[in-house]
Protein backbone atom coordinates (compact mmCIF):
# COMPACT_ATOMS: atom_id res chain seq x y z
CA MET A 1 0.00 0.00 0.00
CA LEU A 2 1.22 3.50 -0.80
CA LYS A 3 1.57 5.73 2.26
CA GLU A 4 3.22 8.83 0.82
CA ILE A 5 5.17 10.10 -2.18
CA THR A 6 7.21 13.28 -2.54
CA ILE A 7 8.13 14.59 -5.99
CA PHE A 8 10.72 17.23 -6.90
CA ASN A 9 11.70 18.67 -10.30
CA PHE A 10 9.62 16.23 -12.38
CA LYS A 11 7.72 17.75 -15.31
CA SER A 12 5.42 20.41 -13.80
CA PHE A 13 6.61 19.66 -10.24
CA ASN A 14 9.26 22.38 -10.05
CA LYS A 15 8.93 22.60 -6.27
CA GLU A 16 8.74 19.69 -3.82
CA GLN A 17 5.19 18.42 -3.36
CA THR A 18 3.95 15.57 -1.16
CA PHE A 19 0.90 13.41 -1.80
CA THR A 20 -0.26 11.20 1.05
CA MET A 21 -2.68 8.31 1.37
CA GLU A 22 -2.63 8.64 5.16
CA ALA A 23 -6.12 9.20 6.53
CA ALA A 24 -6.61 12.32 8.61
CA PRO A 25 -7.30 11.57 12.30
CA LYS A 26 -10.88 10.68 13.14
CA THR A 27 -11.10 13.81 15.27
CA GLU A 28 -10.56 15.90 12.11
CA ILE A 29 -12.29 13.84 9.41
CA SER A 30 -14.95 11.56 10.87
CA GLU A 31 -16.98 10.59 7.80
CA PHE A 32 -16.74 7.01 6.44
CA TYR A 33 -13.82 6.24 8.76
CA ASP A 34 -14.59 2.56 9.31
CA ASP A 35 -15.30 1.75 5.64
CA HIS A 36 -12.81 3.94 3.76
CA VAL A 37 -9.71 3.45 5.92
CA LEU A 38 -7.36 0.44 6.05
CA LYS A 39 -5.42 -0.02 9.28
CA PHE A 40 -1.87 -1.44 9.56
CA LYS A 41 -0.68 -0.97 13.15
CA ASN A 42 -0.30 2.82 13.49
CA ASN A 43 -0.74 3.40 9.75
CA HIS A 44 -4.29 4.33 8.76
CA LEU A 45 -4.39 4.49 4.96
CA LEU A 46 -7.06 5.53 2.49
CA LYS A 47 -8.39 3.12 -0.11
CA VAL A 48 -9.18 5.85 -2.68
CA SER A 49 -7.81 9.24 -3.70
CA SER A 50 -9.03 11.35 -6.60
CA PHE A 51 -7.38 14.33 -8.30
CA TYR A 52 -9.23 17.22 -9.92
CA GLY A 53 -7.96 20.34 -11.60
CA PRO A 54 -7.51 22.15 -14.91
CA ASN A 55 -5.94 20.62 -18.00
CA GLY A 56 -2.17 20.94 -17.71
CA GLY A 57 -2.38 21.31 -13.94
CA GLY A 58 -0.18 18.30 -13.18
CA LYS A 59 -2.70 15.56 -12.38
CA THR A 60 -1.25 13.12 -14.91
CA SER A 61 2.33 14.01 -13.94
CA LEU A 62 1.70 12.86 -10.38
CA LEU A 63 0.37 9.49 -11.52
CA GLN A 64 3.30 9.14 -13.92
CA ALA A 65 5.72 9.77 -11.04
CA ILE A 66 4.24 6.83 -9.10
CA SER A 67 4.61 4.52 -12.10
CA LEU A 68 8.08 5.88 -12.89
CA LEU A 69 9.27 5.15 -9.36
CA LYS A 70 8.24 1.52 -9.83
CA GLN A 71 10.06 1.26 -13.16
CA VAL A 72 13.27 2.81 -11.82
CA ALA A 73 13.25 0.59 -8.71
CA ILE A 74 12.61 -2.78 -10.34
CA SER A 75 14.29 -2.55 -13.73
CA GLY A 76 15.66 0.88 -14.55
CA TYR A 77 13.62 3.12 -16.83
CA ARG A 78 14.13 2.64 -20.57
CA ARG A 79 11.80 3.92 -23.25
CA SER A 80 12.09 4.46 -26.98
CA PHE A 81 10.84 7.62 -28.64
CA ARG A 82 10.86 8.19 -32.37
CA GLN A 83 8.54 11.00 -33.35
CA SER A 84 10.48 13.95 -31.95
CA ASN A 85 13.64 14.95 -30.17
CA ILE A 86 11.73 15.37 -26.91
CA ALA A 87 12.03 12.53 -24.40
CA PRO A 88 8.77 11.30 -22.82
CA TYR A 89 9.72 12.44 -19.32
CA GLY A 90 12.07 15.06 -18.00
CA PRO A 91 12.80 17.67 -15.31
CA SER A 92 10.84 20.89 -15.00
CA ILE A 93 11.51 23.37 -17.78
CA PHE A 94 11.59 26.11 -15.10
CA SER A 95 14.49 24.47 -13.24
CA ASN A 96 18.22 24.82 -13.82
CA SER A 97 18.75 21.32 -12.43
CA LYS A 98 18.37 18.13 -14.44
CA THR A 99 18.08 15.93 -11.36
CA ILE A 100 14.66 14.48 -10.49
CA SER A 101 13.97 13.21 -6.97
CA ILE A 102 11.16 10.89 -5.85
CA THR A 103 10.75 9.53 -2.31
CA ALA A 104 7.97 7.15 -1.31
CA PHE A 105 6.83 5.11 1.67
CA PHE A 106 4.92 1.84 1.33
CA VAL A 107 3.24 -0.29 3.98
CA ASN A 108 2.16 -3.91 4.26
CA ALA A 109 1.05 -5.97 7.26
CA LYS A 110 4.62 -6.31 8.61
CA TYR A 111 6.75 -3.40 7.46
CA GLU A 112 6.96 0.20 6.37
CA PHE A 113 9.43 0.65 3.51
CA GLY A 114 11.10 3.87 2.46
CA TYR A 115 12.57 4.20 -1.01
CA SER A 116 14.28 7.33 -2.31
CA VAL A 117 15.95 7.87 -5.67
CA SER A 118 17.50 10.85 -7.46
CA PHE A 119 18.31 10.50 -11.14
CA GLN A 120 18.72 12.19 -14.49
CA PHE A 121 17.49 11.15 -17.90
CA ALA A 122 20.02 10.40 -20.62
CA THR A 123 19.41 9.79 -24.30
CA LYS A 124 21.04 7.10 -26.40
CA GLU A 125 20.76 6.58 -30.14
CA ILE A 126 20.41 2.97 -31.22
CA SER A 127 20.85 1.70 -34.77
CA ASP A 128 19.08 -1.42 -35.93
CA GLY A 129 20.01 -1.92 -39.57
CA ASP A 130 18.58 1.01 -41.49
CA PHE A 131 16.35 1.96 -38.58
CA GLU A 132 17.50 4.42 -35.93
CA ARG A 133 15.72 5.28 -32.74
CA LYS A 134 16.34 7.15 -29.53
CA VAL A 135 16.09 5.62 -26.08
CA SER A 136 15.56 7.54 -22.87
CA ILE A 137 17.17 5.91 -19.80
CA THR A 138 17.66 6.84 -16.16
CA VAL A 139 21.08 7.48 -14.62
CA ILE A 140 20.85 7.15 -10.85
CA GLU A 141 22.76 9.67 -8.72
CA LYS A 142 21.50 8.69 -5.26
CA GLU A 143 19.38 5.85 -3.88
CA GLU A 144 18.34 4.74 -0.41
CA PHE A 145 16.22 1.88 0.89
CA SER A 146 15.04 1.62 4.50
CA CYS A 147 12.68 -0.59 6.46
CA LYS A 148 10.75 -0.27 9.72
CA ASN A 149 9.37 -3.30 11.53
CA LEU A 150 5.82 -2.34 12.53
CA ALA A 151 5.74 -4.82 15.43
CA THR A 152 9.03 -3.80 17.08
CA GLY A 153 9.49 -0.27 15.75
CA VAL A 154 13.09 -1.11 14.74
CA GLU A 155 14.22 0.84 11.68
CA ASP A 156 17.15 -0.06 9.40
CA THR A 157 18.77 1.52 6.36
CA LEU A 158 19.44 -1.50 4.17
CA TYR A 159 21.59 0.52 1.82
CA SER A 160 22.39 3.97 0.55
CA ARG A 161 24.14 4.60 -2.71
CA LYS A 162 25.84 7.50 -4.45
CA GLY A 163 26.51 7.01 -8.14
CA ASN A 164 27.72 3.44 -8.56
CA ILE A 165 29.10 3.10 -5.02
CA LEU A 166 27.31 1.72 -1.97
CA THR A 167 28.12 4.19 0.79
CA SER A 168 26.39 3.03 3.97
CA ASN A 169 24.39 -0.14 4.30
CA ILE A 170 23.90 -3.61 5.74
CA LEU A 171 24.92 -5.11 2.40
CA ASN A 172 28.50 -3.78 2.35
CA GLU A 173 30.26 -6.95 3.48
CA LEU A 174 28.29 -9.38 1.33
CA ASP A 175 30.24 -11.36 -1.26
CA ILE A 176 27.79 -10.43 -4.01
CA PHE A 177 29.06 -6.84 -3.93
CA LYS A 178 32.71 -7.75 -3.38
CA THR A 179 32.87 -10.08 -6.36
CA LYS A 180 30.56 -8.33 -8.77
CA GLY A 181 32.21 -4.93 -8.62
CA LEU A 182 30.50 -1.59 -8.95
CA ILE A 183 26.82 -1.28 -9.77
CA SER A 184 25.87 0.40 -13.03
CA PRO A 185 24.18 3.77 -12.45
CA THR A 186 21.51 2.81 -14.99
CA ILE A 187 19.94 0.22 -12.66
CA SER A 188 18.80 0.29 -9.05
CA VAL A 189 20.41 -1.82 -6.32
CA LEU A 190 17.07 -3.64 -5.98
CA SER A 191 17.19 -4.52 -9.67
CA TYR A 192 20.84 -5.56 -9.36
CA ILE A 193 20.03 -7.96 -6.53
CA ALA A 194 17.02 -9.39 -8.36
CA ASN A 195 19.07 -9.97 -11.52
CA ASN A 196 21.76 -11.80 -9.53
CA PHE A 197 19.49 -13.88 -7.36
CA TYR A 198 16.84 -15.21 -9.67
CA GLY A 199 17.14 -17.38 -12.73
CA LEU A 200 20.93 -17.62 -12.83
CA PRO A 201 23.03 -20.82 -12.48
CA ASN A 202 24.92 -19.45 -9.44
CA ALA A 203 21.84 -17.89 -7.81
CA ARG A 204 21.81 -20.45 -4.97
CA LYS A 205 25.46 -19.81 -4.12
CA ILE A 206 24.99 -16.06 -4.11
CA LYS A 207 21.82 -16.35 -2.05
CA SER A 208 23.64 -18.31 0.67
CA ASN A 209 25.93 -15.32 1.17
CA LEU A 210 23.07 -12.93 1.81
CA ASP A 211 21.48 -12.66 5.21
CA ASP A 212 18.05 -14.35 5.03
CA ARG A 213 16.42 -11.48 6.88
CA VAL A 214 17.74 -8.91 4.42
CA LEU A 215 16.68 -10.99 1.44
CA GLY A 216 13.27 -11.45 3.03
CA LEU A 217 12.85 -7.68 3.42
CA ILE A 218 13.85 -7.05 -0.19
CA ASP A 219 11.42 -9.74 -1.32
CA GLU A 220 8.66 -8.14 0.77
CA PHE A 221 9.26 -4.76 -0.89
CA ASN A 222 9.52 -6.24 -4.37
CA SER A 223 6.20 -8.01 -3.79
CA ILE A 224 4.61 -4.56 -3.51
CA LEU A 225 6.31 -3.11 -6.59
CA PHE A 226 5.86 -6.15 -8.82
CA LEU A 227 2.09 -6.34 -8.35
CA PRO A 228 0.49 -5.97 -11.80
CA GLY A 229 -1.99 -3.39 -10.58
CA MET A 230 0.60 -0.75 -9.79
CA GLY A 231 0.40 1.04 -13.09
CA ASP A 232 -1.99 2.93 -15.25
CA ILE A 233 -4.87 1.24 -17.02
CA ASP A 234 -4.13 3.29 -20.12
CA THR A 235 -7.50 3.60 -21.77
CA SER A 236 -6.31 5.77 -24.65
CA TYR A 237 -5.44 2.55 -26.48
CA TYR A 238 -6.43 -0.23 -24.12
CA PRO A 239 -6.86 -3.04 -24.84
CA TYR A 240 -4.45 -4.09 -27.56
CA ARG A 241 -4.90 -7.61 -28.88
CA PHE A 242 -1.57 -8.78 -27.47
CA GLU A 243 -2.73 -7.78 -23.98
CA TYR A 244 -5.71 -10.13 -24.10
CA ARG A 245 -3.79 -12.71 -22.06
CA ARG A 246 -4.28 -10.59 -18.95
CA TYR A 247 -7.99 -11.38 -19.26
CA LYS A 248 -7.46 -15.14 -19.16
CA SER A 249 -7.36 -15.64 -15.41
CA PRO A 250 -10.34 -13.42 -14.47
CA ILE A 251 -12.49 -14.88 -17.27
CA LEU A 252 -11.68 -18.49 -16.43
CA ASN A 253 -11.76 -18.05 -12.64
CA HIS A 254 -14.49 -15.44 -12.17
CA LYS A 255 -16.71 -15.81 -15.21
CA GLU A 256 -20.04 -15.83 -13.36
CA THR A 257 -19.07 -12.76 -11.31
CA LEU A 258 -17.89 -10.97 -14.46
CA ILE A 259 -21.17 -11.64 -16.24
CA ASN A 260 -23.12 -10.35 -13.25
CA LEU A 261 -20.99 -7.20 -13.04
CA MET A 262 -21.54 -6.55 -16.75
CA ARG A 263 -25.29 -7.00 -16.30
CA ASN A 264 -25.26 -4.72 -13.27
CA ALA A 265 -23.90 -2.03 -15.59
CA ASP A 266 -26.84 -2.57 -17.94
CA LEU A 267 -24.68 -4.53 -20.40
CA GLU A 268 -26.83 -7.57 -21.09
CA ILE A 269 -24.61 -10.52 -22.00
CA ASP A 270 -25.23 -14.25 -21.63
CA ASP A 271 -21.63 -15.50 -21.67
CA ILE A 272 -17.97 -14.51 -22.08
CA GLU A 273 -15.63 -16.60 -24.23
CA TYR A 274 -11.84 -16.74 -24.01
CA ILE A 275 -10.40 -18.67 -26.97
CA GLU A 276 -6.64 -19.19 -27.41
CA GLU A 277 -5.43 -21.17 -30.42
CA ASP A 278 -2.09 -21.03 -32.26
CA GLU A 279 -0.97 -17.72 -30.73
CA LYS A 280 -4.35 -16.21 -31.58
CA ILE A 281 -6.60 -15.00 -28.78
CA GLU A 282 -10.27 -14.13 -29.05
CA ILE A 283 -12.57 -12.67 -26.41
CA ASN A 284 -16.24 -12.61 -27.23
CA PHE A 285 -19.38 -11.46 -25.48
CA VAL A 286 -22.27 -13.80 -26.26
CA ILE A 287 -25.61 -12.02 -26.63
CA ASN A 288 -28.71 -13.97 -27.68
CA GLY A 289 -26.51 -16.70 -29.14
CA LYS A 290 -24.46 -14.21 -31.21
CA ARG A 291 -20.74 -13.53 -30.66
CA LEU A 292 -19.64 -9.93 -30.27
CA PRO A 293 -15.81 -9.62 -30.31
CA LEU A 294 -14.43 -7.44 -27.53
CA GLU A 295 -12.51 -5.17 -29.92
CA ILE A 296 -15.65 -3.92 -31.68
CA ASN A 297 -17.41 -2.89 -28.48
CA SER A 298 -17.58 0.75 -27.44
CA LYS A 299 -14.66 2.41 -25.66
CA GLY A 300 -16.75 2.69 -22.52
CA THR A 301 -17.61 -1.02 -22.51
CA LYS A 302 -13.99 -2.05 -23.07
CA LYS A 303 -12.83 0.31 -20.35
CA TYR A 304 -15.38 -0.97 -17.84
CA PHE A 305 -14.43 -4.56 -18.67
CA ALA A 306 -10.73 -3.68 -18.16
CA TYR A 307 -11.43 -2.25 -14.72
CA ILE A 308 -13.63 -5.03 -13.39
CA THR A 309 -11.23 -7.75 -14.55
CA ARG A 310 -8.36 -5.91 -12.84
CA ILE A 311 -10.44 -5.47 -9.68
CA LEU A 312 -11.30 -9.16 -9.48
CA GLU A 313 -7.63 -10.12 -9.61
CA ALA A 314 -6.45 -7.35 -7.28
CA LYS A 315 -4.86 -8.40 -3.98
CA GLY A 316 -2.82 -5.69 -2.31
CA ASN A 317 -2.59 -3.69 -5.53
CA ILE A 318 -2.14 0.03 -6.06
CA ILE A 319 -4.24 0.71 -9.14
CA ILE A 320 -3.61 3.96 -10.99
CA ALA A 321 -5.92 5.46 -13.62
CA ASP A 322 -5.38 8.54 -15.75
CA ASP A 323 -8.62 10.21 -16.95
CA PHE A 324 -10.54 7.53 -15.11
CA ASP A 325 -14.01 8.76 -16.02
CA ALA A 326 -13.35 9.20 -19.76
CA ASN A 327 -15.89 7.18 -21.81
CA LEU A 328 -17.64 5.95 -18.66
CA HIS A 329 -21.17 6.81 -17.60
CA PRO A 330 -21.15 8.67 -14.24
CA LYS A 331 -23.09 5.82 -12.62
CA ILE A 332 -20.41 3.33 -13.71
CA THR A 333 -17.68 5.64 -12.41
CA ARG A 334 -19.48 5.85 -9.08
CA ALA A 335 -19.98 2.09 -8.84
CA ILE A 336 -16.24 1.41 -9.30
CA ILE A 337 -15.30 3.97 -6.62
CA GLU A 338 -17.90 2.49 -4.27
CA PHE A 339 -16.41 -0.96 -4.83
CA PHE A 340 -12.96 0.17 -3.70
CA ASN A 341 -14.40 1.92 -0.65
CA SER A 342 -16.59 -1.03 0.34
CA LYS A 343 -16.00 -3.28 3.35
CA ASN A 344 -15.12 -6.10 0.93
CA ASN A 345 -11.93 -4.29 -0.14
CA LYS A 346 -9.36 -4.88 2.56
CA THR A 347 -6.10 -4.69 0.59
CA ASN A 348 -6.33 -2.47 -2.52
CA GLN A 349 -5.87 1.22 -3.26
CA PHE A 350 -7.24 3.21 -6.20
CA ILE A 351 -5.62 6.52 -7.22
CA PHE A 352 -7.01 8.39 -10.20
CA ASN A 353 -7.66 11.75 -11.77
CA SER A 354 -10.96 12.90 -13.12
CA HIS A 355 -13.12 15.77 -14.39
CA ASP A 356 -16.31 14.11 -13.14
CA ILE A 357 -17.84 16.85 -11.00
CA ILE A 358 -21.16 14.97 -10.76
CA ASN A 359 -19.59 12.40 -8.45
CA MET A 360 -17.56 14.87 -6.40
CA ASP A 361 -19.93 14.70 -3.44
CA ASN A 362 -20.03 14.04 0.28
CA LYS A 363 -21.94 10.78 -0.11
CA LEU A 364 -19.02 9.22 -2.00
CA PHE A 365 -15.80 10.80 -0.69
CA ARG A 366 -14.12 11.79 2.54
CA ARG A 367 -12.65 15.27 2.40
CA ASP A 368 -9.09 13.91 2.54
CA GLU A 369 -9.80 11.65 -0.48
CA ILE A 370 -10.36 14.63 -2.81
CA TRP A 371 -7.20 16.37 -4.03
CA PHE A 372 -6.66 19.34 -6.33
CA ALA A 373 -3.73 19.94 -8.69
CA TYR A 374 -3.14 23.31 -10.29
CA ARG A 375 -0.36 25.64 -11.44
CA ASN A 376 0.55 28.65 -9.29
CA ASP A 377 1.80 32.01 -10.59
CA GLU A 378 5.26 30.49 -11.05
CA LYS A 379 3.71 27.79 -13.30
CA THR A 380 4.67 24.97 -10.94
CA THR A 381 2.19 22.32 -9.80
CA ILE A 382 0.70 22.64 -6.34
CA ILE A 383 -1.36 19.81 -4.84
CA THR A 384 -3.63 19.98 -1.82
CA PRO A 385 -6.45 17.89 -0.33
CA LEU A 386 -9.92 19.33 0.23
CA SER A 387 -9.42 18.72 3.97
CA ASN A 388 -6.67 21.38 4.01
CA ILE A 389 -8.78 24.07 2.34
CA VAL A 390 -10.53 26.67 4.51
CA ASP A 391 -13.40 29.03 3.75
CA PHE A 392 -13.41 32.84 3.98
CA GLN A 393 -13.73 32.55 7.77
CA GLY A 394 -10.67 30.32 8.00
CA LYS A 395 -12.76 27.25 8.82
CA GLN A 396 -12.39 23.78 7.31
CA ILE A 397 -14.82 22.90 4.53
CA ARG A 398 -17.85 21.21 6.11
CA LYS A 399 -18.46 17.51 5.49
CA ASP A 400 -22.02 18.29 4.31
CA ALA A 401 -20.88 20.90 1.76
CA VAL A 402 -21.78 20.48 -1.91
CA TYR A 403 -18.23 19.84 -3.09
CA GLY A 404 -18.82 19.83 -6.85
CA LYS A 405 -20.84 23.06 -6.80
CA GLN A 406 -18.31 24.88 -4.64
CA TYR A 407 -15.46 23.67 -6.84
CA LEU A 408 -17.12 25.04 -9.97
CA GLU A 409 -17.70 28.34 -8.13
CA GLY A 410 -13.93 28.59 -7.68
CA LYS A 411 -13.95 28.24 -3.89
CA TYR A 412 -11.29 25.51 -3.86
CA GLY A 413 -8.96 26.80 -6.57
CA GLY A 414 -7.73 24.49 -9.29
CA ASP A 415 -10.73 25.32 -11.47
CA PRO A 416 -9.93 26.78 -14.91
CA PHE A 417 -11.17 30.27 -15.70
CA VAL A 418 -12.83 30.23 -19.11
CA GLU A 419 -14.49 33.27 -20.63
CA LYS A 420 -18.10 32.93 -21.69
CA GLY A 421 -18.05 32.06 -25.35
CA LEU A 422 -14.51 31.57 -26.63
CA LYS A 423 -13.77 34.36 -29.10
CA TRP A 424 -12.07 34.09 -32.50
CA GLY A 425 -9.42 36.64 -33.28
CA ASN A 426 -9.97 39.96 -31.47
């Protein structure tokens, strides 16, 4: 579970900003406390957080930072770009520094993990016959990984790293680092350990030289990062045909539930088929004995199907969604949010951005679950939860306020000012 993430000098985040999934104390925010809050020892975490704000305000950048942290930690970021000379990600254009910093804390039933990384992006040109492309990669400057035992309160720094040198850590004396030499700055220490411990002929020998407790802690942390849910359900193109395999398990294991969930959304189907033959995969909805291939359904139907299949397989996942409500009916949007905030969800988090003002209400959200992202006068992204906003009297927004209406009236900030009737020319 994500507890907190701090972002500095990434895209529109020119100044350090912190987003937290920690629930405000019950004395401050009392609504929906028992249903919407997951408790791990002294950590009380929210199941859902939603971001609102103008286009270009930084909502997507925050979600990208969460996904980017995962990529850097487990494999090192590497992405091709061909259409322009502009890399997909980069530091703020308003900063003189090229170094991006992301720090995050994660929690499970046993531990609280802290992971911090500072890095720059570098560009490489790769030739493949007559074809040339550019690749954007991360070059790590600093990295630190710590762990706190929730039962005992004992906190350890498992390692810290500057460039390609481990500077202070429990791992210093282990043979794996003595014999393997310096770590490449293009990969994390976590990735380095994973690459040397799993799937290699000498993995067992190397593993015997590593303290079982340390390896166990790294495995615990990797189990959070490697969960398939921690990443955007990118509905701008989703689903591609080659991604149909991700549907196999939910269709085969939860078919009856899937059919019921589709019907609950007023999508009347009798059956769902998953057919895999000779590298070819078909998914069909069966309606009155007729097959309707998934790819020819509406964007909204495909998106809803993508979400409910992900939800059914989710166990301890952090699910991220950019433009969550796009192509979805407001009632469907509401139903998905209600699912995550139900008593049945005891392990999963859902973080998304949205322009759905209809569902921004006090019957669906706690005040600390609604966040706003907007640019200040210096053009840098500022984020704040509704629970931190005060009215003209300096009082906290009431839990019975009409959030969507007040947002559109400009009382919370983060709402774009648009003149009545956009004018052509002068």
